[in-house]
């Protein structure tokens, strides 16, 4: 496969995917209005991918990200509270708990086209929720700390070597290599 159509309207996600996979496959991008459904991370990823494959009538790559708080046994998960609560609000949710541990989860789904069952590639990175540090222009990066730095404090290169998105894309990259004739 020489090219992948990554369905996203998020320029930051697109930049990370291109930085990580750019030397392996050409990443094209298209925005498709995908309905928000409720369910597990895996159910949501597959549903988004199926919908996108039908919308573009061809192969697609979609992505879903979740932030799981240990204190809440995995919540908020795929439900995004960031828009409603902001960085400080997410922190306040954990203020009365001893554990601020969290896990960043990224799930990519690939479909070869309409009617094709999506294949999932998931990456996870352990960390902790902290007060915001660093630029605030990319989701919850300023509050997710891994090994002493928030994702927002890391250079793009540092983050792209350890992030949940990187780990999922490594699995996709391996699958793509195995699928080549």
C-alpha atoms as a PDB file:
ATOM      1  CA  UNK A   1       0.000   0.000   0.000  1.00  0.00           C
ATOM      2  CA  UNK A   2       1.503   3.278  -1.108  1.00  0.00           C
ATOM      3  CA  UNK A   3      -1.126   5.675   0.232  1.00  0.00           C
ATOM      4  CA  UNK A   4      -3.604   5.795   3.122  1.00  0.00           C
ATOM      5  CA  UNK A   5      -6.617   8.068   3.433  1.00  0.00           C
ATOM      6  CA  UNK A   6      -6.624   9.207   7.075  1.00  0.00           C
ATOM      7  CA  UNK A   7     -10.034  10.538   8.036  1.00  0.00           C
ATOM      8  CA  UNK A   8      -9.525  13.509  10.348  1.00  0.00           C
ATOM      9  CA  UNK A   9     -10.178  17.211  10.596  1.00  0.00           C
ATOM     10  CA  UNK A  10      -7.573  17.562  13.371  1.00  0.00           C
ATOM     11  CA  UNK A  11      -4.414  19.087  11.900  1.00  0.00           C
ATOM     12  CA  UNK A  12      -2.350  18.088  14.965  1.00  0.00           C
ATOM     13  CA  UNK A  13      -3.293  14.403  14.637  1.00  0.00           C
ATOM     14  CA  UNK A  14      -2.611  14.555  10.902  1.00  0.00           C
ATOM     15  CA  UNK A  15       0.841  16.046  11.528  1.00  0.00           C
ATOM     16  CA  UNK A  16       1.709  13.330  14.071  1.00  0.00           C
ATOM     17  CA  UNK A  17       0.535  10.524  11.789  1.00  0.00           C
ATOM     18  CA  UNK A  18       2.522  11.951   8.873  1.00  0.00           C
ATOM     19  CA  UNK A  19       5.612  12.372  11.082  1.00  0.00           C
ATOM     20  CA  UNK A  20       5.424   8.771  12.305  1.00  0.00           C
ATOM     21  CA  UNK A  21       4.313   6.994   9.104  1.00  0.00           C
ATOM     22  CA  UNK A  22       5.477   9.429   6.431  1.00  0.00           C
ATOM     23  CA  UNK A  23       8.535   7.426   5.417  1.00  0.00           C
ATOM     24  CA  UNK A  24       6.439   4.241   5.079  1.00  0.00           C
ATOM     25  CA  UNK A  25       3.246   5.346   3.346  1.00  0.00           C
ATOM     26  CA  UNK A  26       1.876   8.569   1.876  1.00  0.00           C
ATOM     27  CA  UNK A  27      -0.810   9.905   4.229  1.00  0.00           C
ATOM     28  CA  UNK A  28      -3.674  11.668   2.512  1.00  0.00           C
ATOM     29  CA  UNK A  29      -6.381  13.299   4.580  1.00  0.00           C
ATOM     30  CA  UNK A  30     -10.067  13.822   4.236  1.00  0.00           C
ATOM     31  CA  UNK A  31     -12.599  15.131   6.726  1.00  0.00           C
ATOM     32  CA  UNK A  32     -15.788  13.078   6.991  1.00  0.00           C
ATOM     33  CA  UNK A  33     -18.584  13.869   9.408  1.00  0.00           C
ATOM     34  CA  UNK A  34     -18.621  10.733  11.551  1.00  0.00           C
ATOM     35  CA  UNK A  35     -21.461  10.267  14.048  1.00  0.00           C
ATOM     36  CA  UNK A  36     -20.479  10.057  17.715  1.00  0.00           C
ATOM     37  CA  UNK A  37     -21.630   6.778  19.188  1.00  0.00           C
ATOM     38  CA  UNK A  38     -21.407   5.399  22.701  1.00  0.00           C
ATOM     39  CA  UNK A  39     -19.588   2.178  23.476  1.00  0.00           C
ATOM     40  CA  UNK A  40     -16.161   0.779  24.163  1.00  0.00           C
ATOM     41  CA  UNK A  41     -13.101   2.285  22.531  1.00  0.00           C
ATOM     42  CA  UNK A  42     -13.015  -0.645  20.120  1.00  0.00           C
ATOM     43  CA  UNK A  43     -16.729  -0.409  19.229  1.00  0.00           C
ATOM     44  CA  UNK A  44     -16.428   3.313  18.582  1.00  0.00           C
ATOM     45  CA  UNK A  45     -13.276   2.889  16.454  1.00  0.00           C
ATOM     46  CA  UNK A  46     -14.897   0.200  14.286  1.00  0.00           C
ATOM     47  CA  UNK A  47     -18.136   2.171  13.844  1.00  0.00           C
ATOM     48  CA  UNK A  48     -16.255   5.320  12.805  1.00  0.00           C
ATOM     49  CA  UNK A  49     -14.178   3.330  10.331  1.00  0.00           C
ATOM     50  CA  UNK A  50     -17.184   1.563   8.780  1.00  0.00           C
ATOM     51  CA  UNK A  51     -18.988   4.882   8.373  1.00  0.00           C
ATOM     52  CA  UNK A  52     -15.938   6.585   6.823  1.00  0.00           C
ATOM     53  CA  UNK A  53     -15.319   3.691   4.390  1.00  0.00           C
ATOM     54  CA  UNK A  54     -18.905   3.986   3.149  1.00  0.00           C
ATOM     55  CA  UNK A  55     -18.675   7.783   2.909  1.00  0.00           C
ATOM     56  CA  UNK A  56     -15.503   7.773   0.776  1.00  0.00           C
ATOM     57  CA  UNK A  57     -16.311   4.460  -0.961  1.00  0.00           C
ATOM     58  CA  UNK A  58     -12.818   3.169  -0.433  1.00  0.00           C
ATOM     59  CA  UNK A  59     -10.027   2.347   2.004  1.00  0.00           C
ATOM     60  CA  UNK A  60      -9.709   4.499   5.126  1.00  0.00           C
ATOM     61  CA  UNK A  61      -7.801   4.878   8.354  1.00  0.00           C
ATOM     62  CA  UNK A  62      -9.608   6.390  11.341  1.00  0.00           C
ATOM     63  CA  UNK A  63      -8.480   7.101  14.888  1.00  0.00           C
ATOM     64  CA  UNK A  64     -10.106   7.355  18.280  1.00  0.00           C
ATOM     65  CA  UNK A  65      -8.340   8.514  21.421  1.00  0.00           C
ATOM     66  CA  UNK A  66      -9.278   7.962  25.047  1.00  0.00           C
ATOM     67  CA  UNK A  67      -7.968   9.143  28.391  1.00  0.00           C
ATOM     68  CA  UNK A  68      -8.556   6.668  31.209  1.00  0.00           C
ATOM     69  CA  UNK A  69      -8.239   7.713  34.858  1.00  0.00           C
ATOM     70  CA  UNK A  70      -7.203   4.888  37.200  1.00  0.00           C
ATOM     71  CA  UNK A  71      -9.236   6.413  40.047  1.00  0.00           C
ATOM     72  CA  UNK A  72     -12.380   6.124  37.913  1.00  0.00           C
ATOM     73  CA  UNK A  73     -11.622   2.635  36.618  1.00  0.00           C
ATOM     74  CA  UNK A  74     -11.084   3.833  33.068  1.00  0.00           C
ATOM     75  CA  UNK A  75     -13.422   6.810  32.846  1.00  0.00           C
ATOM     76  CA  UNK A  76     -13.733   9.186  31.087  1.00  0.00           C
ATOM     77  CA  UNK A  77     -12.372   6.828  28.405  1.00  0.00           C
ATOM     78  CA  UNK A  78     -13.642   7.599  24.911  1.00  0.00           C
ATOM     79  CA  UNK A  79     -16.074  10.200  26.240  1.00  0.00           C
ATOM     80  CA  UNK A  80     -14.440  13.572  25.901  1.00  0.00           C
ATOM     81  CA  UNK A  81     -14.917  15.790  28.939  1.00  0.00           C
ATOM     82  CA  UNK A  82     -12.178  18.186  27.847  1.00  0.00           C
ATOM     83  CA  UNK A  83     -14.474  20.591  25.980  1.00  0.00           C
ATOM     84  CA  UNK A  84     -16.942  20.776  28.858  1.00  0.00           C
ATOM     85  CA  UNK A  85     -14.484  20.847  31.772  1.00  0.00           C
ATOM     86  CA  UNK A  86     -11.176  22.097  30.393  1.00  0.00           C
ATOM     87  CA  UNK A  87      -7.764  21.119  31.760  1.00  0.00           C
ATOM     88  CA  UNK A  88      -8.468  22.424  35.265  1.00  0.00           C
ATOM     89  CA  UNK A  89     -11.829  20.683  35.412  1.00  0.00           C
ATOM     90  CA  UNK A  90     -10.265  17.339  34.549  1.00  0.00           C
ATOM     91  CA  UNK A  91      -7.706  17.929  37.298  1.00  0.00           C
ATOM     92  CA  UNK A  92     -10.411  18.830  39.819  1.00  0.00           C
ATOM     93  CA  UNK A  93     -12.149  15.520  39.102  1.00  0.00           C
ATOM     94  CA  UNK A  94      -9.113  13.800  40.637  1.00  0.00           C
ATOM     95  CA  UNK A  95      -8.381  16.197  43.511  1.00  0.00           C
ATOM     96  CA  UNK A  96     -10.068  14.026  46.143  1.00  0.00           C
ATOM     97  CA  UNK A  97      -8.373  10.825  44.970  1.00  0.00           C
ATOM     98  CA  UNK A  98      -4.978   9.502  45.962  1.00  0.00           C
ATOM     99  CA  UNK A  99      -4.213   8.242  42.463  1.00  0.00           C
ATOM    100  CA  UNK A 100      -3.723  10.638  39.580  1.00  0.00           C
ATOM    101  CA  UNK A 101      -2.618   7.774  37.341  1.00  0.00           C
ATOM    102  CA  UNK A 102      -3.992   7.657  33.835  1.00  0.00           C
ATOM    103  CA  UNK A 103      -3.553   5.863  30.570  1.00  0.00           C
ATOM    104  CA  UNK A 104      -3.635   7.457  27.129  1.00  0.00           C
ATOM    105  CA  UNK A 105      -5.183   5.099  24.587  1.00  0.00           C
ATOM    106  CA  UNK A 106      -5.145   5.450  20.821  1.00  0.00           C
ATOM    107  CA  UNK A 107      -7.013   3.099  18.516  1.00  0.00           C
ATOM    108  CA  UNK A 108      -6.577   3.227  14.751  1.00  0.00           C
ATOM    109  CA  UNK A 109      -9.011   1.334  12.561  1.00  0.00           C
ATOM    110  CA  UNK A 110      -8.323   0.379   8.946  1.00  0.00           C
ATOM    111  CA  UNK A 111     -10.928  -0.703   6.433  1.00  0.00           C
ATOM    112  CA  UNK A 112     -10.207  -1.674   2.842  1.00  0.00           C
ATOM    113  CA  UNK A 113     -13.603  -0.282   1.864  1.00  0.00           C
ATOM    114  CA  UNK A 114     -17.373  -0.505   2.366  1.00  0.00           C
ATOM    115  CA  UNK A 115     -18.437  -3.826   3.862  1.00  0.00           C
ATOM    116  CA  UNK A 116     -14.906  -4.713   4.989  1.00  0.00           C
ATOM    117  CA  UNK A 117     -14.497  -5.463   8.709  1.00  0.00           C
ATOM    118  CA  UNK A 118     -12.151  -2.872  10.269  1.00  0.00           C
ATOM    119  CA  UNK A 119      -8.801  -4.026  11.668  1.00  0.00           C
ATOM    120  CA  UNK A 120      -7.742  -2.350  14.939  1.00  0.00           C
ATOM    121  CA  UNK A 121      -4.287  -1.178  16.052  1.00  0.00           C
ATOM    122  CA  UNK A 122      -4.141   0.068  19.640  1.00  0.00           C
ATOM    123  CA  UNK A 123      -1.414   1.771  21.644  1.00  0.00           C
ATOM    124  CA  UNK A 124      -1.354   2.678  25.334  1.00  0.00           C
ATOM    125  CA  UNK A 125       0.923   4.965  27.353  1.00  0.00           C
ATOM    126  CA  UNK A 126       0.876   5.148  31.159  1.00  0.00           C
ATOM    127  CA  UNK A 127       1.104   8.523  32.844  1.00  0.00           C
ATOM    128  CA  UNK A 128      -0.505  10.847  35.361  1.00  0.00           C
ATOM    129  CA  UNK A 129      -2.849  13.811  35.295  1.00  0.00           C
ATOM    130  CA  UNK A 130      -1.126  17.035  36.402  1.00  0.00           C
ATOM    131  CA  UNK A 131      -1.881  20.733  36.400  1.00  0.00           C
ATOM    132  CA  UNK A 132      -1.453  22.139  32.850  1.00  0.00           C
ATOM    133  CA  UNK A 133       2.105  22.702  31.670  1.00  0.00           C
ATOM    134  CA  UNK A 134       3.243  23.642  28.179  1.00  0.00           C
ATOM    135  CA  UNK A 135       1.314  24.824  25.126  1.00  0.00           C
ATOM    136  CA  UNK A 136      -2.444  24.269  25.291  1.00  0.00           C
ATOM    137  CA  UNK A 137      -3.110  23.798  21.569  1.00  0.00           C
ATOM    138  CA  UNK A 138      -3.501  19.997  21.414  1.00  0.00           C
ATOM    139  CA  UNK A 139      -6.165  18.321  23.499  1.00  0.00           C
ATOM    140  CA  UNK A 140      -5.127  17.084  26.920  1.00  0.00           C
ATOM    141  CA  UNK A 141      -1.368  17.078  26.159  1.00  0.00           C
ATOM    142  CA  UNK A 142      -0.731  19.815  28.804  1.00  0.00           C
ATOM    143  CA  UNK A 143      -2.157  17.658  31.626  1.00  0.00           C
ATOM    144  CA  UNK A 144      -0.871  14.189  30.658  1.00  0.00           C
ATOM    145  CA  UNK A 145       2.567  13.608  32.197  1.00  0.00           C
ATOM    146  CA  UNK A 146       4.842  10.737  31.233  1.00  0.00           C
ATOM    147  CA  UNK A 147       8.225  10.331  32.913  1.00  0.00           C
ATOM    148  CA  UNK A 148       8.377  13.883  34.294  1.00  0.00           C
ATOM    149  CA  UNK A 149       7.127  15.838  31.275  1.00  0.00           C
ATOM    150  CA  UNK A 150       3.676  16.534  29.922  1.00  0.00           C
ATOM    151  CA  UNK A 151       3.119  15.632  26.287  1.00  0.00           C
ATOM    152  CA  UNK A 152       2.850  19.390  25.662  1.00  0.00           C
ATOM    153  CA  UNK A 153       6.322  20.002  27.168  1.00  0.00           C
ATOM    154  CA  UNK A 154       7.924  17.374  24.934  1.00  0.00           C
ATOM    155  CA  UNK A 155       9.290  18.105  21.508  1.00  0.00           C
ATOM    156  CA  UNK A 156       7.275  16.559  18.703  1.00  0.00           C
ATOM    157  CA  UNK A 157      10.101  14.059  18.207  1.00  0.00           C
ATOM    158  CA  UNK A 158      10.117  13.046  21.905  1.00  0.00           C
ATOM    159  CA  UNK A 159       6.355  12.583  22.003  1.00  0.00           C
ATOM    160  CA  UNK A 160       6.296  10.698  18.703  1.00  0.00           C
ATOM    161  CA  UNK A 161       8.668   8.068  20.142  1.00  0.00           C
ATOM    162  CA  UNK A 162       6.596   7.155  23.221  1.00  0.00           C
ATOM    163  CA  UNK A 163       2.988   8.237  22.730  1.00  0.00           C
ATOM    164  CA  UNK A 164      -0.092   6.073  22.553  1.00  0.00           C
ATOM    165  CA  UNK A 165      -0.501   7.207  18.925  1.00  0.00           C
ATOM    166  CA  UNK A 166       3.068   6.142  18.093  1.00  0.00           C
ATOM    167  CA  UNK A 167       2.566   2.701  19.665  1.00  0.00           C
ATOM    168  CA  UNK A 168      -0.631   2.117  17.663  1.00  0.00           C
ATOM    169  CA  UNK A 169       1.010   3.306  14.453  1.00  0.00           C
ATOM    170  CA  UNK A 170       3.979   0.961  14.952  1.00  0.00           C
ATOM    171  CA  UNK A 171       1.478  -1.917  14.960  1.00  0.00           C
ATOM    172  CA  UNK A 172      -0.163  -0.545  11.812  1.00  0.00           C
ATOM    173  CA  UNK A 173       3.243  -0.116  10.188  1.00  0.00           C
ATOM    174  CA  UNK A 174       4.126  -3.750  10.939  1.00  0.00           C
ATOM    175  CA  UNK A 175       0.792  -4.919   9.554  1.00  0.00           C
ATOM    176  CA  UNK A 176       1.333  -2.888   6.379  1.00  0.00           C
ATOM    177  CA  UNK A 177       4.805  -4.407   5.957  1.00  0.00           C
ATOM    178  CA  UNK A 178       3.382  -7.920   6.425  1.00  0.00           C
ATOM    179  CA  UNK A 179       0.595  -7.252   3.904  1.00  0.00           C
ATOM    180  CA  UNK A 180       2.984  -6.231   1.104  1.00  0.00           C
ATOM    181  CA  UNK A 181       3.542  -8.938  -1.536  1.00  0.00           C
END
